[in-house]
Amino acid sequence: MQQSQFKIVFTGELMPDMPLEAVKANLAVLFKTDPSKVERLFSGQAAVIKSKLSSQEADKYIGALHRAGARAHKEPEHTSPTLSLVQTDEELAAAQGDNPPAALMTCPKCGHAQSHANECSTCGIIIEKYLARQAQLHESAAPQGASTTVSPYAPPSANVSEAMPRHGDLKPFSVTGRIGRLRYLAWSLVIMVAATGLFGVAAIMMAISSTMGLICMGLIGIGMLVVSVQIGVQRLHDFGWSGWLILLNLVPVLGSLFPFVMLLMPGSREVNRYGSPPPPNSRSVKILAALWLLLIISGLVAALTIPALVEMRQGAGF
């Protein structure tokens, strides 16, 4: 018993949400032909895309056309449409008449123009088998999201996010940005030294005018506090914490431990919500941080040894 054969018919109807120009371009790519030759498919008449196909082959072709945006359907081989892409014997005879032979078909693989035939005279492929294989590849790629159609509702494929620099900028007098542990120590030492010098100037002014001296000391204290808070916030940003946590320094007991957390906790090496990592520490930053640590250690040693020396002197009767 002879197997039923089908043909693929296209009437110019498009799939939902598919623009006409995009469908034409997709069909031109699918059939490996010029867009001008695709125009005849949208003349308003039924056009035969492919004929003499089994039911399975016809379903594969229909799947590929639907993904391209063309709503095609299959029909049994018993009617002759008014418009067909399949070359008839009369068209072949007319093409091979007195006029020079025209390009009746284009190979879908290599693009070679030749008379209608089942095999390409250049690359040697069997055209029907090649088209069936291409339709099968399109069908297998569809579950993975590989579609040849361009949806107007698809998200943009370009990178719309702002490219972050490798290292952030240093902003000593700001609450934005990040600084590491050594830079936090170095900047704290600079603030302390600067404040000590300014307080010395204010003390001299107080000897001249007590009112002016008190005003200067108050302004210096406020400025030192503001800058200390700014670099403390940047230090919290370095390991991804909110700058408002700087207020924990005001909590009893916890406020005496939280500065050690800010000093010892390592920062993130990657970009976080507060920006890129700080630049590498310079030699001056390392030297200042080492001096600050030396001052801290010296203070602790003095706090432990001086009371013992005083007791020894008192016991010796000095």
C-alpha atoms as a PDB file:
ATOM      1  CA  MET A   1       0.000   0.000   0.000  1.00  0.00           C
ATOM      2  CA  GLN A   2       1.391   3.347  -1.021  1.00  0.00           C
ATOM      3  CA  GLN A   3       2.090   5.767   1.824  1.00  0.00           C
ATOM      4  CA  SER A   4       0.022   8.956   1.917  1.00  0.00           C
ATOM      5  CA  GLN A   5       1.841  12.058   0.801  1.00  0.00           C
ATOM      6  CA  PHE A   6       1.318  15.633   1.944  1.00  0.00           C
ATOM      7  CA  LYS A   7       2.173  19.115   0.836  1.00  0.00           C
ATOM      8  CA  ILE A   8       2.979  22.242   2.857  1.00  0.00           C
ATOM      9  CA  VAL A   9       0.640  25.154   2.054  1.00  0.00           C
ATOM     10  CA  PHE A  10       1.187  28.765   3.104  1.00  0.00           C
ATOM     11  CA  THR A  11      -1.474  31.449   2.636  1.00  0.00           C
ATOM     12  CA  GLY A  12       0.496  34.437   3.950  1.00  0.00           C
ATOM     13  CA  GLU A  13      -0.816  34.189   7.524  1.00  0.00           C
ATOM     14  CA  LEU A  14       1.670  35.069  10.282  1.00  0.00           C
ATOM     15  CA  MET A  15       2.204  33.671  13.769  1.00  0.00           C
ATOM     16  CA  PRO A  16       0.989  35.873  16.682  1.00  0.00           C
ATOM     17  CA  ASP A  17       3.149  38.915  17.551  1.00  0.00           C
ATOM     18  CA  MET A  18       5.422  38.442  14.535  1.00  0.00           C
ATOM     19  CA  PRO A  19       6.092  41.464  12.289  1.00  0.00           C
ATOM     20  CA  LEU A  20       5.859  40.939   8.550  1.00  0.00           C
ATOM     21  CA  GLU A  21       9.407  42.101   7.730  1.00  0.00           C
ATOM     22  CA  ALA A  22      10.921  39.812  10.359  1.00  0.00           C
ATOM     23  CA  VAL A  23       9.027  36.801   8.958  1.00  0.00           C
ATOM     24  CA  LYS A  24      10.208  37.581   5.421  1.00  0.00           C
ATOM     25  CA  ALA A  25      13.798  37.818   6.608  1.00  0.00           C
ATOM     26  CA  ASN A  26      13.476  34.544   8.534  1.00  0.00           C
ATOM     27  CA  LEU A  27      12.052  32.737   5.502  1.00  0.00           C
ATOM     28  CA  ALA A  28      14.863  34.064   3.315  1.00  0.00           C
ATOM     29  CA  VAL A  29      17.409  32.656   5.773  1.00  0.00           C
ATOM     30  CA  LEU A  30      15.515  29.356   6.115  1.00  0.00           C
ATOM     31  CA  PHE A  31      15.324  28.768   2.335  1.00  0.00           C
ATOM     32  CA  LYS A  32      18.761  30.298   1.632  1.00  0.00           C
ATOM     33  CA  THR A  33      17.340  32.581  -1.044  1.00  0.00           C
ATOM     34  CA  ASP A  34      16.921  36.279  -1.794  1.00  0.00           C
ATOM     35  CA  PRO A  35      14.236  38.211   0.143  1.00  0.00           C
ATOM     36  CA  SER A  36      12.765  39.337  -3.187  1.00  0.00           C
ATOM     37  CA  LYS A  37      11.880  35.725  -4.065  1.00  0.00           C
ATOM     38  CA  VAL A  38      10.009  35.354  -0.786  1.00  0.00           C
ATOM     39  CA  GLU A  39       7.629  38.194  -1.727  1.00  0.00           C
ATOM     40  CA  ARG A  40       5.592  35.869  -3.945  1.00  0.00           C
ATOM     41  CA  LEU A  41       4.549  33.913  -0.836  1.00  0.00           C
ATOM     42  CA  PHE A  42       2.654  36.967   0.468  1.00  0.00           C
ATOM     43  CA  SER A  43       0.542  37.668  -2.633  1.00  0.00           C
ATOM     44  CA  GLY A  44      -2.644  36.566  -0.865  1.00  0.00           C
ATOM     45  CA  GLN A  45      -2.904  33.223  -2.701  1.00  0.00           C
ATOM     46  CA  ALA A  46      -2.154  29.770  -1.332  1.00  0.00           C
ATOM     47  CA  ALA A  47       1.433  28.770  -2.065  1.00  0.00           C
ATOM     48  CA  VAL A  48       2.929  25.272  -1.936  1.00  0.00           C
ATOM     49  CA  ILE A  49       6.175  25.360   0.006  1.00  0.00           C
ATOM     50  CA  LYS A  50       6.968  21.647  -0.381  1.00  0.00           C
ATOM     51  CA  SER A  51       5.167  18.648  -1.823  1.00  0.00           C
ATOM     52  CA  LYS A  52       5.355  14.854  -1.835  1.00  0.00           C
ATOM     53  CA  LEU A  53       6.243  14.566   1.835  1.00  0.00           C
ATOM     54  CA  SER A  54       5.432  11.932   4.395  1.00  0.00           C
ATOM     55  CA  SER A  55       3.390  12.960   7.418  1.00  0.00           C
ATOM     56  CA  GLN A  56       6.486  13.048   9.652  1.00  0.00           C
ATOM     57  CA  GLU A  57       8.516  15.100   7.181  1.00  0.00           C
ATOM     58  CA  ALA A  58       5.626  17.525   6.713  1.00  0.00           C
ATOM     59  CA  ASP A  59       5.372  18.044  10.475  1.00  0.00           C
ATOM     60  CA  LYS A  60       9.084  18.888  10.628  1.00  0.00           C
ATOM     61  CA  TYR A  61       8.728  21.475   7.870  1.00  0.00           C
ATOM     62  CA  ILE A  62       5.682  22.997   9.559  1.00  0.00           C
ATOM     63  CA  GLY A  63       7.590  23.270  12.838  1.00  0.00           C
ATOM     64  CA  ALA A  64      10.449  25.112  11.144  1.00  0.00           C
ATOM     65  CA  LEU A  65       8.053  27.497   9.367  1.00  0.00           C
ATOM     66  CA  HIS A  66       6.143  28.240  12.574  1.00  0.00           C
ATOM     67  CA  ARG A  67       9.382  29.151  14.344  1.00  0.00           C
ATOM     68  CA  ALA A  68      10.173  31.459  11.434  1.00  0.00           C
ATOM     69  CA  GLY A  69       6.794  33.155  11.981  1.00  0.00           C
ATOM     70  CA  ALA A  70       4.846  31.702   9.033  1.00  0.00           C
ATOM     71  CA  ARG A  71       1.583  29.896   9.897  1.00  0.00           C
ATOM     72  CA  ALA A  72       1.651  27.030   7.368  1.00  0.00           C
ATOM     73  CA  HIS A  73      -0.346  23.794   7.301  1.00  0.00           C
ATOM     74  CA  LYS A  74      -0.202  20.451   5.547  1.00  0.00           C
ATOM     75  CA  GLU A  75      -2.735  19.059   3.120  1.00  0.00           C
ATOM     76  CA  PRO A  76      -3.066  15.690   1.393  1.00  0.00           C
ATOM     77  CA  GLU A  77      -1.750  15.532  -2.183  1.00  0.00           C
ATOM     78  CA  HIS A  78      -4.985  15.806  -4.142  1.00  0.00           C
ATOM     79  CA  THR A  79      -5.466  19.485  -5.083  1.00  0.00           C
ATOM     80  CA  SER A  80      -3.404  21.870  -7.144  1.00  0.00           C
ATOM     81  CA  PRO A  81      -3.000  25.383  -5.631  1.00  0.00           C
ATOM     82  CA  THR A  82      -3.125  28.502  -7.707  1.00  0.00           C
ATOM     83  CA  LEU A  83       0.441  29.447  -6.759  1.00  0.00           C
ATOM     84  CA  SER A  84       3.303  27.017  -6.184  1.00  0.00           C
ATOM     85  CA  LEU A  85       7.014  27.195  -5.481  1.00  0.00           C
ATOM     86  CA  VAL A  86       7.427  23.738  -7.039  1.00  0.00           C
ATOM     87  CA  GLN A  87       8.538  23.978 -10.682  1.00  0.00           C
ATOM     88  CA  THR A  88       6.136  22.316 -13.116  1.00  0.00           C
ATOM     89  CA  ASP A  89       7.137  20.627 -16.379  1.00  0.00           C
ATOM     90  CA  GLU A  90       5.772  23.582 -18.345  1.00  0.00           C
ATOM     91  CA  GLU A  91       7.865  26.041 -16.330  1.00  0.00           C
ATOM     92  CA  LEU A  92      10.976  23.931 -16.842  1.00  0.00           C
ATOM     93  CA  ALA A  93      10.346  23.752 -20.576  1.00  0.00           C
ATOM     94  CA  ALA A  94       9.771  27.504 -20.763  1.00  0.00           C
ATOM     95  CA  ALA A  95      12.943  28.171 -18.767  1.00  0.00           C
ATOM     96  CA  GLN A  96      14.989  26.009 -21.157  1.00  0.00           C
ATOM     97  CA  GLY A  97      13.560  27.549 -24.385  1.00  0.00           C
ATOM     98  CA  ASP A  98      15.099  30.175 -26.575  1.00  0.00           C
ATOM     99  CA  ASN A  99      15.971  32.436 -23.673  1.00  0.00           C
ATOM    100  CA  PRO A 100      19.236  31.898 -21.797  1.00  0.00           C
ATOM    101  CA  PRO A 101      18.836  29.398 -18.955  1.00  0.00           C
ATOM    102  CA  ALA A 102      17.704  31.185 -15.797  1.00  0.00           C
ATOM    103  CA  ALA A 103      18.497  30.314 -12.198  1.00  0.00           C
ATOM    104  CA  LEU A 104      15.460  28.147 -11.402  1.00  0.00           C
ATOM    105  CA  MET A 105      16.634  27.148  -7.924  1.00  0.00           C
ATOM    106  CA  THR A 106      19.369  27.893  -5.444  1.00  0.00           C
ATOM    107  CA  CYS A 107      21.198  25.246  -3.446  1.00  0.00           C
ATOM    108  CA  PRO A 108      20.291  25.755   0.244  1.00  0.00           C
ATOM    109  CA  LYS A 109      23.802  24.791   1.327  1.00  0.00           C
ATOM    110  CA  CYS A 110      26.299  26.387  -1.045  1.00  0.00           C
ATOM    111  CA  GLY A 111      24.009  28.898  -2.824  1.00  0.00           C
ATOM    112  CA  HIS A 112      24.783  27.556  -6.315  1.00  0.00           C
ATOM    113  CA  ALA A 113      22.144  28.550  -8.908  1.00  0.00           C
ATOM    114  CA  GLN A 114      21.083  25.752 -11.251  1.00  0.00           C
ATOM    115  CA  SER A 115      18.113  24.192 -12.969  1.00  0.00           C
ATOM    116  CA  HIS A 116      15.639  22.365 -10.798  1.00  0.00           C
ATOM    117  CA  ALA A 117      17.130  19.054  -9.659  1.00  0.00           C
ATOM    118  CA  ASN A 118      17.203  16.756  -6.643  1.00  0.00           C
ATOM    119  CA  GLU A 119      20.992  17.045  -6.304  1.00  0.00           C
ATOM    120  CA  CYS A 120      23.286  20.074  -6.287  1.00  0.00           C
ATOM    121  CA  SER A 121      25.771  19.944  -9.147  1.00  0.00           C
ATOM    122  CA  THR A 122      28.395  21.821  -7.108  1.00  0.00           C
ATOM    123  CA  CYS A 123      28.430  20.435  -3.561  1.00  0.00           C
ATOM    124  CA  GLY A 124      26.624  17.167  -4.359  1.00  0.00           C
ATOM    125  CA  ILE A 125      24.017  17.233  -1.583  1.00  0.00           C
ATOM    126  CA  ILE A 126      20.556  15.712  -1.913  1.00  0.00           C
ATOM    127  CA  ILE A 127      18.446  18.835  -1.464  1.00  0.00           C
ATOM    128  CA  GLU A 128      15.347  17.223   0.071  1.00  0.00           C
ATOM    129  CA  LYS A 129      17.410  15.307   2.621  1.00  0.00           C
ATOM    130  CA  TYR A 130      19.381  18.444   3.469  1.00  0.00           C
ATOM    131  CA  LEU A 131      16.219  20.498   4.071  1.00  0.00           C
ATOM    132  CA  ALA A 132      14.740  17.721   6.209  1.00  0.00           C
ATOM    133  CA  ARG A 133      17.934  17.594   8.241  1.00  0.00           C
ATOM    134  CA  GLN A 134      17.882  21.382   8.736  1.00  0.00           C
ATOM    135  CA  ALA A 135      14.273  21.240   9.929  1.00  0.00           C
ATOM    136  CA  GLN A 136      15.198  18.463  12.374  1.00  0.00           C
ATOM    137  CA  LEU A 137      18.082  20.536  13.744  1.00  0.00           C
ATOM    138  CA  HIS A 138      15.782  23.540  14.227  1.00  0.00           C
ATOM    139  CA  GLU A 139      13.268  21.354  16.064  1.00  0.00           C
ATOM    140  CA  SER A 140      15.891  19.845  18.393  1.00  0.00           C
ATOM    141  CA  ALA A 141      17.304  23.308  19.191  1.00  0.00           C
ATOM    142  CA  ALA A 142      13.904  24.784  20.062  1.00  0.00           C
ATOM    143  CA  PRO A 143      13.670  23.361  23.663  1.00  0.00           C
ATOM    144  CA  GLN A 144      17.028  24.960  24.451  1.00  0.00           C
ATOM    145  CA  GLY A 145      15.748  28.400  23.529  1.00  0.00           C
ATOM    146  CA  ALA A 146      17.596  28.593  20.201  1.00  0.00           C
ATOM    147  CA  SER A 147      14.990  30.258  17.998  1.00  0.00           C
ATOM    148  CA  THR A 148      15.576  31.992  14.705  1.00  0.00           C
ATOM    149  CA  THR A 149      12.604  34.328  15.231  1.00  0.00           C
ATOM    150  CA  VAL A 150      13.004  37.736  16.791  1.00  0.00           C
ATOM    151  CA  SER A 151      10.242  38.537  19.259  1.00  0.00           C
ATOM    152  CA  PRO A 152       9.486  42.220  19.903  1.00  0.00           C
ATOM    153  CA  TYR A 153       8.899  41.313  23.575  1.00  0.00           C
ATOM    154  CA  ALA A 154      12.292  39.657  24.060  1.00  0.00           C
ATOM    155  CA  PRO A 155      14.609  41.311  26.613  1.00  0.00           C
ATOM    156  CA  PRO A 156      17.610  43.221  25.227  1.00  0.00           C
ATOM    157  CA  SER A 157      20.654  41.049  24.663  1.00  0.00           C
ATOM    158  CA  ALA A 158      23.104  43.914  25.144  1.00  0.00           C
ATOM    159  CA  ASN A 159      24.718  44.581  28.493  1.00  0.00           C
ATOM    160  CA  VAL A 160      22.727  47.479  29.952  1.00  0.00           C
ATOM    161  CA  SER A 161      24.446  47.508  33.330  1.00  0.00           C
ATOM    162  CA  GLU A 162      27.220  49.957  34.072  1.00  0.00           C
ATOM    163  CA  ALA A 163      30.707  48.467  33.889  1.00  0.00           C
ATOM    164  CA  MET A 164      32.386  48.722  37.280  1.00  0.00           C
ATOM    165  CA  PRO A 165      36.050  49.778  37.487  1.00  0.00           C
ATOM    166  CA  ARG A 166      38.579  47.369  38.906  1.00  0.00           C
ATOM    167  CA  HIS A 167      39.352  49.682  41.856  1.00  0.00           C
ATOM    168  CA  GLY A 168      37.274  52.450  43.407  1.00  0.00           C
ATOM    169  CA  ASP A 169      38.343  56.051  43.904  1.00  0.00           C
ATOM    170  CA  LEU A 170      39.635  57.236  47.258  1.00  0.00           C
ATOM    171  CA  LYS A 171      37.427  59.904  48.888  1.00  0.00           C
ATOM    172  CA  PRO A 172      38.730  60.781  52.372  1.00  0.00           C
ATOM    173  CA  PHE A 173      36.034  63.405  53.015  1.00  0.00           C
ATOM    174  CA  SER A 174      32.997  61.404  51.907  1.00  0.00           C
ATOM    175  CA  VAL A 175      30.691  58.640  53.152  1.00  0.00           C
ATOM    176  CA  THR A 176      30.824  56.836  49.778  1.00  0.00           C
ATOM    177  CA  GLY A 177      33.486  54.391  48.705  1.00  0.00           C
ATOM    178  CA  ARG A 178      35.559  51.765  50.496  1.00  0.00           C
ATOM    179  CA  ILE A 179      38.870  51.609  52.367  1.00  0.00           C
ATOM    180  CA  GLY A 180      40.823  48.654  53.746  1.00  0.00           C
ATOM    181  CA  ARG A 181      42.227  47.995  57.192  1.00  0.00           C
ATOM    182  CA  LEU A 182      45.710  49.465  56.657  1.00  0.00           C
ATOM    183  CA  ARG A 183      44.363  52.616  54.997  1.00  0.00           C
ATOM    184  CA  TYR A 184      41.872  52.999  57.848  1.00  0.00           C
ATOM    185  CA  LEU A 185      44.779  52.895  60.337  1.00  0.00           C
ATOM    186  CA  ALA A 186      46.896  55.290  58.253  1.00  0.00           C
ATOM    187  CA  TRP A 187      44.116  57.857  57.836  1.00  0.00           C
ATOM    188  CA  SER A 188      43.245  57.635  61.534  1.00  0.00           C
ATOM    189  CA  LEU A 189      46.868  58.421  62.419  1.00  0.00           C
ATOM    190  CA  VAL A 190      46.874  61.422  60.080  1.00  0.00           C
ATOM    191  CA  ILE A 191      43.644  62.703  61.670  1.00  0.00           C
ATOM    192  CA  MET A 192      45.090  62.299  65.167  1.00  0.00           C
ATOM    193  CA  VAL A 193      48.355  64.067  64.306  1.00  0.00           C
ATOM    194  CA  ALA A 194      46.517  66.898  62.548  1.00  0.00           C
ATOM    195  CA  ALA A 195      44.075  67.286  65.446  1.00  0.00           C
ATOM    196  CA  THR A 196      46.969  67.345  67.953  1.00  0.00           C
ATOM    197  CA  GLY A 197      48.652  70.179  66.047  1.00  0.00           C
ATOM    198  CA  LEU A 198      45.397  72.138  65.753  1.00  0.00           C
ATOM    199  CA  PHE A 199      44.619  71.682  69.430  1.00  0.00           C
ATOM    200  CA  GLY A 200      48.096  73.052  70.188  1.00  0.00           C
ATOM    201  CA  VAL A 201      47.289  76.162  68.143  1.00  0.00           C
ATOM    202  CA  ALA A 202      43.943  76.472  69.942  1.00  0.00           C
ATOM    203  CA  ALA A 203      45.730  76.262  73.307  1.00  0.00           C
ATOM    204  CA  ILE A 204      47.972  79.145  72.310  1.00  0.00           C
ATOM    205  CA  MET A 205      44.917  81.171  71.251  1.00  0.00           C
ATOM    206  CA  MET A 206      43.271  80.370  74.579  1.00  0.00           C
ATOM    207  CA  ALA A 207      46.192  81.996  76.384  1.00  0.00           C
ATOM    208  CA  ILE A 208      45.391  85.163  74.425  1.00  0.00           C
ATOM    209  CA  SER A 209      41.578  84.888  74.531  1.00  0.00           C
ATOM    210  CA  SER A 210      39.776  82.101  76.391  1.00  0.00           C
ATOM    211  CA  THR A 211      36.594  82.589  74.371  1.00  0.00           C
ATOM    212  CA  MET A 212      38.382  82.368  71.029  1.00  0.00           C
ATOM    213  CA  GLY A 213      40.348  79.346  72.231  1.00  0.00           C
ATOM    214  CA  LEU A 214      37.211  77.465  73.314  1.00  0.00           C
ATOM    215  CA  ILE A 215      35.515  78.182  69.984  1.00  0.00           C
ATOM    216  CA  CYS A 216      38.548  76.901  68.073  1.00  0.00           C
ATOM    217  CA  MET A 217      38.730  73.743  70.194  1.00  0.00           C
ATOM    218  CA  GLY A 218      35.023  73.096  69.627  1.00  0.00           C
ATOM    219  CA  LEU A 219      35.367  73.501  65.852  1.00  0.00           C
ATOM    220  CA  ILE A 220      38.442  71.267  65.774  1.00  0.00           C
ATOM    221  CA  GLY A 221      36.654  68.584  67.787  1.00  0.00           C
ATOM    222  CA  ILE A 222      33.603  68.655  65.491  1.00  0.00           C
ATOM    223  CA  GLY A 223      35.792  68.478  62.373  1.00  0.00           C
ATOM    224  CA  MET A 224      37.778  65.557  63.782  1.00  0.00           C
ATOM    225  CA  LEU A 225      34.546  63.720  64.652  1.00  0.00           C
ATOM    226  CA  VAL A 226      33.042  64.265  61.184  1.00  0.00           C
ATOM    227  CA  VAL A 227      36.138  63.022  59.328  1.00  0.00           C
ATOM    228  CA  SER A 228      36.464  60.035  61.691  1.00  0.00           C
ATOM    229  CA  VAL A 229      32.843  59.068  60.988  1.00  0.00           C
ATOM    230  CA  GLN A 230      33.405  59.396  57.229  1.00  0.00           C
ATOM    231  CA  ILE A 231      36.368  57.034  57.121  1.00  0.00           C
ATOM    232  CA  GLY A 232      34.609  54.696  59.561  1.00  0.00           C
ATOM    233  CA  VAL A 233      31.612  54.457  57.208  1.00  0.00           C
ATOM    234  CA  GLN A 234      33.932  53.674  54.282  1.00  0.00           C
ATOM    235  CA  ARG A 235      35.557  50.959  56.383  1.00  0.00           C
ATOM    236  CA  LEU A 236      32.149  49.380  57.034  1.00  0.00           C
ATOM    237  CA  HIS A 237      31.380  49.560  53.310  1.00  0.00           C
ATOM    238  CA  ASP A 238      34.521  47.544  52.602  1.00  0.00           C
ATOM    239  CA  PHE A 239      32.975  44.375  54.033  1.00  0.00           C
ATOM    240  CA  GLY A 240      29.462  45.140  52.805  1.00  0.00           C
ATOM    241  CA  TRP A 241      27.911  46.622  55.968  1.00  0.00           C
ATOM    242  CA  SER A 242      25.718  49.687  56.174  1.00  0.00           C
ATOM    243  CA  GLY A 243      27.406  52.881  57.319  1.00  0.00           C
ATOM    244  CA  TRP A 244      24.672  53.397  59.925  1.00  0.00           C
ATOM    245  CA  LEU A 245      26.307  50.657  62.003  1.00  0.00           C
ATOM    246  CA  ILE A 246      28.908  53.259  62.999  1.00  0.00           C
ATOM    247  CA  LEU A 247      26.356  54.251  65.677  1.00  0.00           C
ATOM    248  CA  LEU A 248      27.145  51.004  67.506  1.00  0.00           C
ATOM    249  CA  ASN A 249      30.187  52.815  68.891  1.00  0.00           C
ATOM    250  CA  LEU A 250      27.753  54.759  71.109  1.00  0.00           C
ATOM    251  CA  VAL A 251      26.261  51.611  72.683  1.00  0.00           C
ATOM    252  CA  PRO A 252      27.714  50.849  76.142  1.00  0.00           C
ATOM    253  CA  VAL A 253      30.056  47.839  76.315  1.00  0.00           C
ATOM    254  CA  LEU A 254      29.483  47.080  72.605  1.00  0.00           C
ATOM    255  CA  GLY A 255      31.002  50.427  71.707  1.00  0.00           C
ATOM    256  CA  SER A 256      34.287  49.384  73.310  1.00  0.00           C
ATOM    257  CA  LEU A 257      34.466  46.198  71.189  1.00  0.00           C
ATOM    258  CA  PHE A 258      33.097  47.383  67.847  1.00  0.00           C
ATOM    259  CA  PRO A 259      36.230  49.402  66.892  1.00  0.00           C
ATOM    260  CA  PHE A 260      38.233  46.169  67.018  1.00  0.00           C
ATOM    261  CA  VAL A 261      35.711  44.573  64.646  1.00  0.00           C
ATOM    262  CA  MET A 262      36.186  47.474  62.213  1.00  0.00           C
ATOM    263  CA  LEU A 263      39.947  47.126  62.501  1.00  0.00           C
ATOM    264  CA  LEU A 264      40.322  43.342  62.251  1.00  0.00           C
ATOM    265  CA  MET A 265      37.547  42.238  59.881  1.00  0.00           C
ATOM    266  CA  PRO A 266      38.863  41.775  56.299  1.00  0.00           C
ATOM    267  CA  GLY A 267      37.109  43.485  53.428  1.00  0.00           C
ATOM    268  CA  SER A 268      35.579  41.909  50.336  1.00  0.00           C
ATOM    269  CA  ARG A 269      37.901  41.439  47.364  1.00  0.00           C
ATOM    270  CA  GLU A 270      35.058  41.677  44.875  1.00  0.00           C
ATOM    271  CA  VAL A 271      32.615  44.426  43.907  1.00  0.00           C
ATOM    272  CA  ASN A 272      29.797  44.829  46.420  1.00  0.00           C
ATOM    273  CA  ARG A 273      26.795  47.163  46.620  1.00  0.00           C
ATOM    274  CA  TYR A 274      29.043  50.019  47.783  1.00  0.00           C
ATOM    275  CA  GLY A 275      31.417  49.912  44.817  1.00  0.00           C
ATOM    276  CA  SER A 276      34.674  48.392  43.651  1.00  0.00           C
ATOM    277  CA  PRO A 277      37.459  47.324  46.036  1.00  0.00           C
ATOM    278  CA  PRO A 278      39.878  50.045  47.156  1.00  0.00           C
ATOM    279  CA  PRO A 279      43.198  50.384  45.301  1.00  0.00           C
ATOM    280  CA  PRO A 280      46.271  48.554  46.624  1.00  0.00           C
ATOM    281  CA  ASN A 281      48.005  50.072  49.639  1.00  0.00           C
ATOM    282  CA  SER A 282      50.925  52.376  48.860  1.00  0.00           C
ATOM    283  CA  ARG A 283      54.209  52.346  50.770  1.00  0.00           C
ATOM    284  CA  SER A 284      53.239  55.462  52.762  1.00  0.00           C
ATOM    285  CA  VAL A 285      49.986  53.793  53.839  1.00  0.00           C
ATOM    286  CA  LYS A 286      51.896  50.744  55.092  1.00  0.00           C
ATOM    287  CA  ILE A 287      54.399  52.900  56.993  1.00  0.00           C
ATOM    288  CA  LEU A 288      51.686  55.011  58.662  1.00  0.00           C
ATOM    289  CA  ALA A 289      49.689  51.908  59.578  1.00  0.00           C
ATOM    290  CA  ALA A 290      52.811  50.348  61.125  1.00  0.00           C
ATOM    291  CA  LEU A 291      53.475  53.521  63.161  1.00  0.00           C
ATOM    292  CA  TRP A 292      49.891  53.531  64.410  1.00  0.00           C
ATOM    293  CA  LEU A 293      50.161  49.899  65.478  1.00  0.00           C
ATOM    294  CA  LEU A 294      53.463  50.719  67.172  1.00  0.00           C
ATOM    295  CA  LEU A 295      51.791  53.540  69.114  1.00  0.00           C
ATOM    296  CA  ILE A 296      48.953  51.248  70.185  1.00  0.00           C
ATOM    297  CA  ILE A 297      51.348  48.524  71.346  1.00  0.00           C
ATOM    298  CA  SER A 298      53.512  51.076  73.167  1.00  0.00           C
ATOM    299  CA  GLY A 299      50.449  52.458  74.942  1.00  0.00           C
ATOM    300  CA  LEU A 300      49.366  48.994  76.064  1.00  0.00           C
ATOM    301  CA  VAL A 301      52.862  48.191  77.336  1.00  0.00           C
ATOM    302  CA  ALA A 302      53.020  51.491  79.206  1.00  0.00           C
ATOM    303  CA  ALA A 303      49.586  50.918  80.720  1.00  0.00           C
ATOM    304  CA  LEU A 304      50.774  47.566  82.085  1.00  0.00           C
ATOM    305  CA  THR A 305      54.277  48.465  83.224  1.00  0.00           C
ATOM    306  CA  ILE A 306      53.915  51.977  84.682  1.00  0.00           C
ATOM    307  CA  PRO A 307      51.611  50.939  87.571  1.00  0.00           C
ATOM    308  CA  ALA A 308      54.017  48.136  88.448  1.00  0.00           C
ATOM    309  CA  LEU A 309      56.982  50.531  88.455  1.00  0.00           C
ATOM    310  CA  VAL A 310      55.094  52.975  90.668  1.00  0.00           C
ATOM    311  CA  GLU A 311      54.327  50.239  93.190  1.00  0.00           C
ATOM    312  CA  MET A 312      57.976  49.145  93.182  1.00  0.00           C
ATOM    313  CA  ARG A 313      59.146  52.716  93.863  1.00  0.00           C
ATOM    314  CA  GLN A 314      56.644  53.122  96.648  1.00  0.00           C
ATOM    315  CA  GLY A 315      57.705  49.817  98.199  1.00  0.00           C
ATOM    316  CA  ALA A 316      61.374  50.837  98.039  1.00  0.00           C
ATOM    317  CA  GLY A 317      60.622  54.088  99.879  1.00  0.00           C
ATOM    318  CA  PHE A 318      61.565  56.497  97.070  1.00  0.00           C
END
